[in-house]
Amino acid sequence: MISFDNVSRAYSDEVTIGPVSFDIPAGGMTALVGPNGAGKSTLLTMVGRLQKPDTGAITVGGEDVFTTPSGEVAKKLSILRQENHFVTRLTVRQLVGFGRYPHSHGRLNVEDEKHITEAIDFLNLTDLENRYLDQLSGGQRQRAYVAMVLAQDTDYVLLDEPLNNLDMKHSVQMMKQLRRACDELGRTVVIVLHDINFAARYADHICAMADGQVTVFGTPEEVIRDEVLSGIFGTPVKVLQTEDGPLASYF
């Protein structure tokens, strides 16, 4: 479980995240949704120790992420940010190998290579593993970055808008693969999404944010409702009930 206890971060007098106190259950997928500037990415990066809150505590699996040694945290949670700055003359396999650093410290062994291969195969990158990053499409690179965090072999996987640069087909494939990571690999995936319908279809829980606050946390059935979504996004949203589940219409 990921627990937030009175967590806040102030950027200015006008922009503040929190204070928030809530729990993200272990297991399954939790989607963070909300308008731009709501605080979704900030919340995620604080869990990943990339930003420190001004107040409060964050625990992952019962351990405080800011007092637990970095090496131990890196074996428990992995994070993929929106901005990735890797040398483009790395191959896919070399990039995914970086995910093993908390375990290998740069000296890959047989066990590390096994996890690298499994992550590459899981994201359907086997035919591309010897390609350089600058030879890939944006969507292929994005899949390679996700493979890197899966190779880290952590219980908790944090992903900040992993559908960036993906077209409709590859977005669906990515969400299905992340769902499999929850169901087959036992990972807890926390994902920032802009597409509320992907959250409705694939997530077990949805954390909706607006103005730096968590406004609603619940199952898709509890969150994907006309009045809830209209209030969060500040625009009329109508939820249609379909054979594939609820579908938000906001045109």
C-alpha atoms as a PDB file:
ATOM      1  CA  MET A   1       0.000   0.000   0.000  1.00  0.00           C
ATOM      2  CA  ILE A   2       1.091   3.584  -0.715  1.00  0.00           C
ATOM      3  CA  SER A   3       0.005   5.934   2.072  1.00  0.00           C
ATOM      4  CA  PHE A   4      -0.088   9.731   2.040  1.00  0.00           C
ATOM      5  CA  ASP A   5      -0.287  11.385   5.460  1.00  0.00           C
ATOM      6  CA  ASN A   6      -0.925  15.139   5.377  1.00  0.00           C
ATOM      7  CA  VAL A   7       1.311  15.538   2.309  1.00  0.00           C
ATOM      8  CA  SER A   8       1.645  18.999   0.762  1.00  0.00           C
ATOM      9  CA  ARG A   9       3.981  20.924  -1.523  1.00  0.00           C
ATOM     10  CA  ALA A  10       3.814  24.645  -2.272  1.00  0.00           C
ATOM     11  CA  TYR A  11       5.220  26.132  -5.468  1.00  0.00           C
ATOM     12  CA  SER A  12       3.962  29.650  -4.732  1.00  0.00           C
ATOM     13  CA  ASP A  13       1.221  31.396  -2.788  1.00  0.00           C
ATOM     14  CA  GLU A  14      -1.152  30.543  -5.623  1.00  0.00           C
ATOM     15  CA  VAL A  15      -0.048  26.974  -6.444  1.00  0.00           C
ATOM     16  CA  THR A  16      -0.154  24.343  -3.699  1.00  0.00           C
ATOM     17  CA  ILE A  17      -0.532  20.555  -3.774  1.00  0.00           C
ATOM     18  CA  GLY A  18      -2.412  19.137  -0.802  1.00  0.00           C
ATOM     19  CA  PRO A  19      -2.507  18.590   2.034  1.00  0.00           C
ATOM     20  CA  VAL A  20      -3.710  15.114   1.091  1.00  0.00           C
ATOM     21  CA  SER A  21      -4.181  11.996   3.181  1.00  0.00           C
ATOM     22  CA  PHE A  22      -5.286   8.775   1.492  1.00  0.00           C
ATOM     23  CA  ASP A  23      -4.131   5.250   0.624  1.00  0.00           C
ATOM     24  CA  ILE A  24      -3.513   3.533  -2.706  1.00  0.00           C
ATOM     25  CA  PRO A  25      -4.137  -0.200  -2.253  1.00  0.00           C
ATOM     26  CA  ALA A  26      -1.459  -2.750  -3.062  1.00  0.00           C
ATOM     27  CA  GLY A  27      -2.151  -4.809  -6.144  1.00  0.00           C
ATOM     28  CA  GLY A  28      -3.887  -3.871  -9.361  1.00  0.00           C
ATOM     29  CA  MET A  29      -3.888  -0.548 -11.186  1.00  0.00           C
ATOM     30  CA  THR A  30      -4.691   2.886  -9.815  1.00  0.00           C
ATOM     31  CA  ALA A  31      -5.147   5.709 -12.315  1.00  0.00           C
ATOM     32  CA  LEU A  32      -4.494   9.355 -11.426  1.00  0.00           C
ATOM     33  CA  VAL A  33      -6.785  11.577 -13.486  1.00  0.00           C
ATOM     34  CA  GLY A  34      -7.717  15.246 -13.592  1.00  0.00           C
ATOM     35  CA  PRO A  35      -7.154  18.461 -15.543  1.00  0.00           C
ATOM     36  CA  ASN A  36      -3.739  19.910 -16.339  1.00  0.00           C
ATOM     37  CA  GLY A  37      -2.113  21.401 -13.250  1.00  0.00           C
ATOM     38  CA  ALA A  38      -4.205  19.315 -10.856  1.00  0.00           C
ATOM     39  CA  GLY A  39      -1.087  17.868  -9.199  1.00  0.00           C
ATOM     40  CA  LYS A  40      -1.086  14.334 -10.601  1.00  0.00           C
ATOM     41  CA  SER A  41       2.547  14.262 -11.733  1.00  0.00           C
ATOM     42  CA  THR A  42       3.727  16.062  -8.585  1.00  0.00           C
ATOM     43  CA  LEU A  43       2.031  13.459  -6.420  1.00  0.00           C
ATOM     44  CA  LEU A  44       3.644  10.651  -8.410  1.00  0.00           C
ATOM     45  CA  THR A  45       7.143  12.159  -8.348  1.00  0.00           C
ATOM     46  CA  MET A  46       6.934  12.686  -4.583  1.00  0.00           C
ATOM     47  CA  VAL A  47       6.248   8.969  -4.159  1.00  0.00           C
ATOM     48  CA  GLY A  48       9.265   8.308  -6.388  1.00  0.00           C
ATOM     49  CA  ARG A  49      11.474  10.603  -4.237  1.00  0.00           C
ATOM     50  CA  LEU A  50      12.086  12.948  -7.165  1.00  0.00           C
ATOM     51  CA  GLN A  51      10.448  15.784  -5.237  1.00  0.00           C
ATOM     52  CA  LYS A  52      10.183  16.173  -1.491  1.00  0.00           C
ATOM     53  CA  PRO A  53       6.954  17.278   0.162  1.00  0.00           C
ATOM     54  CA  ASP A  54       6.953  20.351   2.391  1.00  0.00           C
ATOM     55  CA  THR A  55       4.866  18.536   4.976  1.00  0.00           C
ATOM     56  CA  GLY A  56       3.704  15.023   5.700  1.00  0.00           C
ATOM     57  CA  ALA A  57       4.974  11.524   5.059  1.00  0.00           C
ATOM     58  CA  ILE A  58       4.692   8.997   2.232  1.00  0.00           C
ATOM     59  CA  THR A  59       5.108   5.297   2.908  1.00  0.00           C
ATOM     60  CA  VAL A  60       5.319   2.449   0.410  1.00  0.00           C
ATOM     61  CA  GLY A  61       4.782  -1.016   1.804  1.00  0.00           C
ATOM     62  CA  GLY A  62       5.043   0.461   5.294  1.00  0.00           C
ATOM     63  CA  GLU A  63       8.417   2.168   4.727  1.00  0.00           C
ATOM     64  CA  ASP A  64       8.914   5.931   4.607  1.00  0.00           C
ATOM     65  CA  VAL A  65      10.331   6.684   1.134  1.00  0.00           C
ATOM     66  CA  PHE A  66      12.407   9.619   2.392  1.00  0.00           C
ATOM     67  CA  THR A  67      14.042   7.941   5.389  1.00  0.00           C
ATOM     68  CA  THR A  68      14.588   4.493   3.863  1.00  0.00           C
ATOM     69  CA  PRO A  69      17.980   4.137   2.078  1.00  0.00           C
ATOM     70  CA  SER A  70      17.769   4.883  -1.643  1.00  0.00           C
ATOM     71  CA  GLY A  71      19.008   1.437  -2.623  1.00  0.00           C
ATOM     72  CA  GLU A  72      16.217  -0.227  -0.675  1.00  0.00           C
ATOM     73  CA  VAL A  73      13.543   2.075  -2.110  1.00  0.00           C
ATOM     74  CA  ALA A  74      14.797   1.351  -5.655  1.00  0.00           C
ATOM     75  CA  LYS A  75      14.190  -2.347  -5.080  1.00  0.00           C
ATOM     76  CA  LYS A  76      10.603  -1.650  -4.016  1.00  0.00           C
ATOM     77  CA  LEU A  77       9.405   0.985  -6.468  1.00  0.00           C
ATOM     78  CA  SER A  78      10.329   2.169  -9.956  1.00  0.00           C
ATOM     79  CA  ILE A  79       9.205   5.320 -11.741  1.00  0.00           C
ATOM     80  CA  LEU A  80       8.985   6.505 -15.328  1.00  0.00           C
ATOM     81  CA  ARG A  81       8.740  10.278 -15.734  1.00  0.00           C
ATOM     82  CA  GLN A  82       7.352  12.159 -18.705  1.00  0.00           C
ATOM     83  CA  GLU A  83      10.797  13.522 -19.587  1.00  0.00           C
ATOM     84  CA  ASN A  84      13.470  10.934 -20.353  1.00  0.00           C
ATOM     85  CA  HIS A  85      16.993  12.022 -21.261  1.00  0.00           C
ATOM     86  CA  PHE A  86      18.953   8.953 -22.315  1.00  0.00           C
ATOM     87  CA  VAL A  87      21.763   8.822 -24.839  1.00  0.00           C
ATOM     88  CA  THR A  88      20.113   7.992 -28.156  1.00  0.00           C
ATOM     89  CA  ARG A  89      22.980   5.698 -29.212  1.00  0.00           C
ATOM     90  CA  LEU A  90      21.925   3.144 -26.655  1.00  0.00           C
ATOM     91  CA  THR A  91      20.283  -0.006 -27.905  1.00  0.00           C
ATOM     92  CA  VAL A  92      16.924  -1.067 -26.542  1.00  0.00           C
ATOM     93  CA  ARG A  93      18.576  -3.858 -24.568  1.00  0.00           C
ATOM     94  CA  GLN A  94      21.145  -1.472 -23.082  1.00  0.00           C
ATOM     95  CA  LEU A  95      18.386   0.926 -22.043  1.00  0.00           C
ATOM     96  CA  VAL A  96      16.319  -1.807 -20.416  1.00  0.00           C
ATOM     97  CA  GLY A  97      19.494  -2.944 -18.651  1.00  0.00           C
ATOM     98  CA  PHE A  98      19.568   0.356 -16.746  1.00  0.00           C
ATOM     99  CA  GLY A  99      16.511  -0.887 -14.899  1.00  0.00           C
ATOM    100  CA  ARG A 100      18.689  -3.493 -13.229  1.00  0.00           C
ATOM    101  CA  TYR A 101      21.135  -0.964 -11.727  1.00  0.00           C
ATOM    102  CA  PRO A 102      19.700  -1.151  -8.163  1.00  0.00           C
ATOM    103  CA  HIS A 103      20.477  -4.882  -8.269  1.00  0.00           C
ATOM    104  CA  SER A 104      23.597  -5.055 -10.459  1.00  0.00           C
ATOM    105  CA  HIS A 105      25.295  -1.691  -9.779  1.00  0.00           C
ATOM    106  CA  GLY A 106      26.434  -1.786 -13.386  1.00  0.00           C
ATOM    107  CA  ARG A 107      27.696  -5.389 -13.428  1.00  0.00           C
ATOM    108  CA  LEU A 108      24.981  -7.451 -15.061  1.00  0.00           C
ATOM    109  CA  ASN A 109      24.837 -11.121 -14.161  1.00  0.00           C
ATOM    110  CA  VAL A 110      22.778 -14.040 -15.455  1.00  0.00           C
ATOM    111  CA  GLU A 111      19.815 -13.134 -13.245  1.00  0.00           C
ATOM    112  CA  ASP A 112      19.888  -9.527 -14.501  1.00  0.00           C
ATOM    113  CA  GLU A 113      19.998 -10.663 -18.127  1.00  0.00           C
ATOM    114  CA  LYS A 114      16.999 -12.908 -17.451  1.00  0.00           C
ATOM    115  CA  HIS A 115      14.919  -9.982 -16.164  1.00  0.00           C
ATOM    116  CA  ILE A 116      16.016  -7.809 -19.096  1.00  0.00           C
ATOM    117  CA  THR A 117      14.952 -10.452 -21.616  1.00  0.00           C
ATOM    118  CA  GLU A 118      11.625 -11.009 -19.851  1.00  0.00           C
ATOM    119  CA  ALA A 119      10.828  -7.281 -19.862  1.00  0.00           C
ATOM    120  CA  ILE A 120      11.759  -6.936 -23.537  1.00  0.00           C
ATOM    121  CA  ASP A 121       9.621  -9.931 -24.473  1.00  0.00           C
ATOM    122  CA  PHE A 122       6.737  -8.719 -22.302  1.00  0.00           C
ATOM    123  CA  LEU A 123       6.594  -5.391 -24.199  1.00  0.00           C
ATOM    124  CA  ASN A 124       6.947  -7.141 -27.590  1.00  0.00           C
ATOM    125  CA  LEU A 125      10.342  -5.545 -28.263  1.00  0.00           C
ATOM    126  CA  THR A 126      12.281  -8.723 -29.054  1.00  0.00           C
ATOM    127  CA  ASP A 127      12.765  -7.831 -32.719  1.00  0.00           C
ATOM    128  CA  LEU A 128      13.976  -4.351 -31.750  1.00  0.00           C
ATOM    129  CA  GLU A 129      16.296  -5.106 -28.844  1.00  0.00           C
ATOM    130  CA  ASN A 130      19.483  -4.414 -30.839  1.00  0.00           C
ATOM    131  CA  ARG A 131      18.159  -1.235 -32.453  1.00  0.00           C
ATOM    132  CA  TYR A 132      19.415   2.137 -31.246  1.00  0.00           C
ATOM    133  CA  LEU A 133      16.899   4.467 -29.611  1.00  0.00           C
ATOM    134  CA  ASP A 134      17.270   7.055 -32.363  1.00  0.00           C
ATOM    135  CA  GLN A 135      16.217   4.383 -34.868  1.00  0.00           C
ATOM    136  CA  LEU A 136      12.861   3.882 -33.156  1.00  0.00           C
ATOM    137  CA  SER A 137       9.539   5.655 -33.451  1.00  0.00           C
ATOM    138  CA  GLY A 138       8.332   7.651 -30.469  1.00  0.00           C
ATOM    139  CA  GLY A 139       5.933   4.879 -29.546  1.00  0.00           C
ATOM    140  CA  GLN A 140       8.631   2.206 -29.720  1.00  0.00           C
ATOM    141  CA  ARG A 141      10.894   4.289 -27.474  1.00  0.00           C
ATOM    142  CA  GLN A 142       8.071   4.709 -24.993  1.00  0.00           C
ATOM    143  CA  ARG A 143       7.604   0.948 -24.827  1.00  0.00           C
ATOM    144  CA  ALA A 144      11.347   0.547 -24.253  1.00  0.00           C
ATOM    145  CA  TYR A 145      11.207   2.967 -21.303  1.00  0.00           C
ATOM    146  CA  VAL A 146       8.333   1.005 -19.776  1.00  0.00           C
ATOM    147  CA  ALA A 147      10.316  -2.217 -20.278  1.00  0.00           C
ATOM    148  CA  MET A 148      13.172  -0.578 -18.375  1.00  0.00           C
ATOM    149  CA  VAL A 149      11.043   0.067 -15.286  1.00  0.00           C
ATOM    150  CA  LEU A 150       9.520  -3.430 -15.456  1.00  0.00           C
ATOM    151  CA  ALA A 151      13.032  -4.907 -15.582  1.00  0.00           C
ATOM    152  CA  GLN A 152      13.726  -3.226 -12.257  1.00  0.00           C
ATOM    153  CA  ASP A 153      11.421  -5.933 -10.853  1.00  0.00           C
ATOM    154  CA  THR A 154       9.732  -3.805  -8.199  1.00  0.00           C
ATOM    155  CA  ASP A 155       6.407  -4.429  -6.518  1.00  0.00           C
ATOM    156  CA  TYR A 156       5.318  -0.849  -7.273  1.00  0.00           C
ATOM    157  CA  VAL A 157       5.547   0.722 -10.746  1.00  0.00           C
ATOM    158  CA  LEU A 158       4.854   4.454 -11.166  1.00  0.00           C
ATOM    159  CA  LEU A 159       4.176   5.706 -14.692  1.00  0.00           C
ATOM    160  CA  ASP A 160       3.673   9.356 -15.620  1.00  0.00           C
ATOM    161  CA  GLU A 161       1.640   9.532 -18.846  1.00  0.00           C
ATOM    162  CA  PRO A 162       3.148   6.428 -20.508  1.00  0.00           C
ATOM    163  CA  LEU A 163       0.717   6.788 -23.427  1.00  0.00           C
ATOM    164  CA  ASN A 164       2.549   9.880 -24.673  1.00  0.00           C
ATOM    165  CA  ASN A 165       3.640   9.442 -28.304  1.00  0.00           C
ATOM    166  CA  LEU A 166       1.422   6.373 -28.742  1.00  0.00           C
ATOM    167  CA  ASP A 167      -1.312   6.161 -31.353  1.00  0.00           C
ATOM    168  CA  MET A 168      -4.687   4.544 -30.671  1.00  0.00           C
ATOM    169  CA  LYS A 169      -3.566   0.992 -31.463  1.00  0.00           C
ATOM    170  CA  HIS A 170      -0.385   1.152 -29.390  1.00  0.00           C
ATOM    171  CA  SER A 171      -2.133   2.924 -26.513  1.00  0.00           C
ATOM    172  CA  VAL A 172      -4.556   0.011 -26.273  1.00  0.00           C
ATOM    173  CA  GLN A 173      -1.682  -2.478 -26.465  1.00  0.00           C
ATOM    174  CA  MET A 174       0.214  -0.630 -23.716  1.00  0.00           C
ATOM    175  CA  MET A 175      -2.796  -0.597 -21.393  1.00  0.00           C
ATOM    176  CA  LYS A 176      -3.388  -4.303 -21.980  1.00  0.00           C
ATOM    177  CA  GLN A 177       0.269  -5.048 -21.215  1.00  0.00           C
ATOM    178  CA  LEU A 178       0.172  -2.985 -18.026  1.00  0.00           C
ATOM    179  CA  ARG A 179      -3.014  -4.780 -17.017  1.00  0.00           C
ATOM    180  CA  ARG A 180      -1.169  -8.059 -17.564  1.00  0.00           C
ATOM    181  CA  ALA A 181       1.703  -6.786 -15.407  1.00  0.00           C
ATOM    182  CA  CYS A 182      -0.805  -6.383 -12.585  1.00  0.00           C
ATOM    183  CA  ASP A 183      -2.609  -9.661 -13.125  1.00  0.00           C
ATOM    184  CA  GLU A 184       0.252 -11.974 -14.137  1.00  0.00           C
ATOM    185  CA  LEU A 185       3.304 -10.396 -12.487  1.00  0.00           C
ATOM    186  CA  GLY A 186       1.594  -9.136  -9.350  1.00  0.00           C
ATOM    187  CA  ARG A 187       2.736  -5.526  -9.839  1.00  0.00           C
ATOM    188  CA  THR A 188       0.994  -2.521  -8.320  1.00  0.00           C
ATOM    189  CA  VAL A 189       0.790   0.033 -11.128  1.00  0.00           C
ATOM    190  CA  VAL A 190       0.058   3.706 -10.439  1.00  0.00           C
ATOM    191  CA  ILE A 191      -0.436   5.561 -13.697  1.00  0.00           C
ATOM    192  CA  VAL A 192      -1.157   9.157 -14.692  1.00  0.00           C
ATOM    193  CA  LEU A 193      -3.686   9.157 -17.538  1.00  0.00           C
ATOM    194  CA  HIS A 194      -5.331  11.900 -19.559  1.00  0.00           C
ATOM    195  CA  ASP A 195      -7.827   9.565 -21.212  1.00  0.00           C
ATOM    196  CA  ILE A 196     -10.570   8.967 -18.663  1.00  0.00           C
ATOM    197  CA  ASN A 197     -11.951   6.088 -20.745  1.00  0.00           C
ATOM    198  CA  PHE A 198      -8.699   4.126 -20.433  1.00  0.00           C
ATOM    199  CA  ALA A 199      -8.923   4.640 -16.671  1.00  0.00           C
ATOM    200  CA  ALA A 200     -12.517   3.408 -16.688  1.00  0.00           C
ATOM    201  CA  ARG A 201     -11.653   0.312 -18.721  1.00  0.00           C
ATOM    202  CA  TYR A 202      -8.372  -0.849 -17.173  1.00  0.00           C
ATOM    203  CA  ALA A 203      -7.977   0.585 -13.647  1.00  0.00           C
ATOM    204  CA  ASP A 204      -9.142  -1.012 -10.413  1.00  0.00           C
ATOM    205  CA  HIS A 205      -9.198   2.351  -8.637  1.00  0.00           C
ATOM    206  CA  ILE A 206      -9.274   5.944  -9.842  1.00  0.00           C
ATOM    207  CA  CYS A 207      -7.829   8.894  -7.939  1.00  0.00           C
ATOM    208  CA  ALA A 208      -9.354  12.099  -9.336  1.00  0.00           C
ATOM    209  CA  MET A 209      -7.536  15.372  -8.607  1.00  0.00           C
ATOM    210  CA  ALA A 210      -8.392  19.027  -9.106  1.00  0.00           C
ATOM    211  CA  ASP A 211      -6.672  22.187  -7.821  1.00  0.00           C
ATOM    212  CA  GLY A 212      -4.029  20.227  -5.939  1.00  0.00           C
ATOM    213  CA  GLN A 213      -6.525  18.149  -3.988  1.00  0.00           C
ATOM    214  CA  VAL A 214      -7.784  14.582  -4.206  1.00  0.00           C
ATOM    215  CA  THR A 215     -11.475  15.149  -4.855  1.00  0.00           C
ATOM    216  CA  VAL A 216     -12.645  11.551  -5.336  1.00  0.00           C
ATOM    217  CA  PHE A 217     -11.012   8.172  -4.810  1.00  0.00           C
ATOM    218  CA  GLY A 218     -12.861   5.005  -5.630  1.00  0.00           C
ATOM    219  CA  THR A 219     -13.661   2.279  -8.101  1.00  0.00           C
ATOM    220  CA  PRO A 220     -14.449   3.160 -11.730  1.00  0.00           C
ATOM    221  CA  GLU A 221     -18.139   2.651 -10.935  1.00  0.00           C
ATOM    222  CA  GLU A 222     -17.897   5.272  -8.179  1.00  0.00           C
ATOM    223  CA  VAL A 223     -15.855   7.820 -10.154  1.00  0.00           C
ATOM    224  CA  ILE A 224     -17.071   7.458 -13.753  1.00  0.00           C
ATOM    225  CA  ARG A 225     -20.319   9.356 -13.236  1.00  0.00           C
ATOM    226  CA  ASP A 226     -21.743  12.422 -14.954  1.00  0.00           C
ATOM    227  CA  GLU A 227     -21.699  14.740 -11.955  1.00  0.00           C
ATOM    228  CA  VAL A 228     -18.312  13.583 -10.659  1.00  0.00           C
ATOM    229  CA  LEU A 229     -16.450  13.974 -13.965  1.00  0.00           C
ATOM    230  CA  SER A 230     -18.197  17.224 -14.869  1.00  0.00           C
ATOM    231  CA  GLY A 231     -17.109  18.699 -11.543  1.00  0.00           C
ATOM    232  CA  ILE A 232     -13.524  17.485 -11.803  1.00  0.00           C
ATOM    233  CA  PHE A 233     -12.893  18.637 -15.367  1.00  0.00           C
ATOM    234  CA  GLY A 234     -15.071  21.747 -15.343  1.00  0.00           C
ATOM    235  CA  THR A 235     -16.910  20.786 -18.517  1.00  0.00           C
ATOM    236  CA  PRO A 236     -20.088  18.795 -19.171  1.00  0.00           C
ATOM    237  CA  VAL A 237     -19.428  15.050 -19.253  1.00  0.00           C
ATOM    238  CA  LYS A 238     -22.056  12.430 -19.990  1.00  0.00           C
ATOM    239  CA  VAL A 239     -21.348   8.797 -19.087  1.00  0.00           C
ATOM    240  CA  LEU A 240     -22.800   6.195 -21.420  1.00  0.00           C
ATOM    241  CA  GLN A 241     -23.286   2.624 -20.257  1.00  0.00           C
ATOM    242  CA  THR A 242     -22.021   0.212 -22.914  1.00  0.00           C
ATOM    243  CA  GLU A 243     -21.399  -3.535 -23.118  1.00  0.00           C
ATOM    244  CA  ASP A 244     -17.697  -2.756 -22.541  1.00  0.00           C
ATOM    245  CA  GLY A 245     -18.410  -0.677 -19.447  1.00  0.00           C
ATOM    246  CA  PRO A 246     -18.935   3.075 -18.851  1.00  0.00           C
ATOM    247  CA  LEU A 247     -17.830   5.460 -21.603  1.00  0.00           C
ATOM    248  CA  ALA A 248     -17.355   9.168 -20.926  1.00  0.00           C
ATOM    249  CA  SER A 249     -18.567  11.501 -23.673  1.00  0.00           C
ATOM    250  CA  TYR A 250     -17.349  15.097 -23.491  1.00  0.00           C
ATOM    251  CA  PHE A 251     -17.564  16.492 -27.009  1.00  0.00           C
END
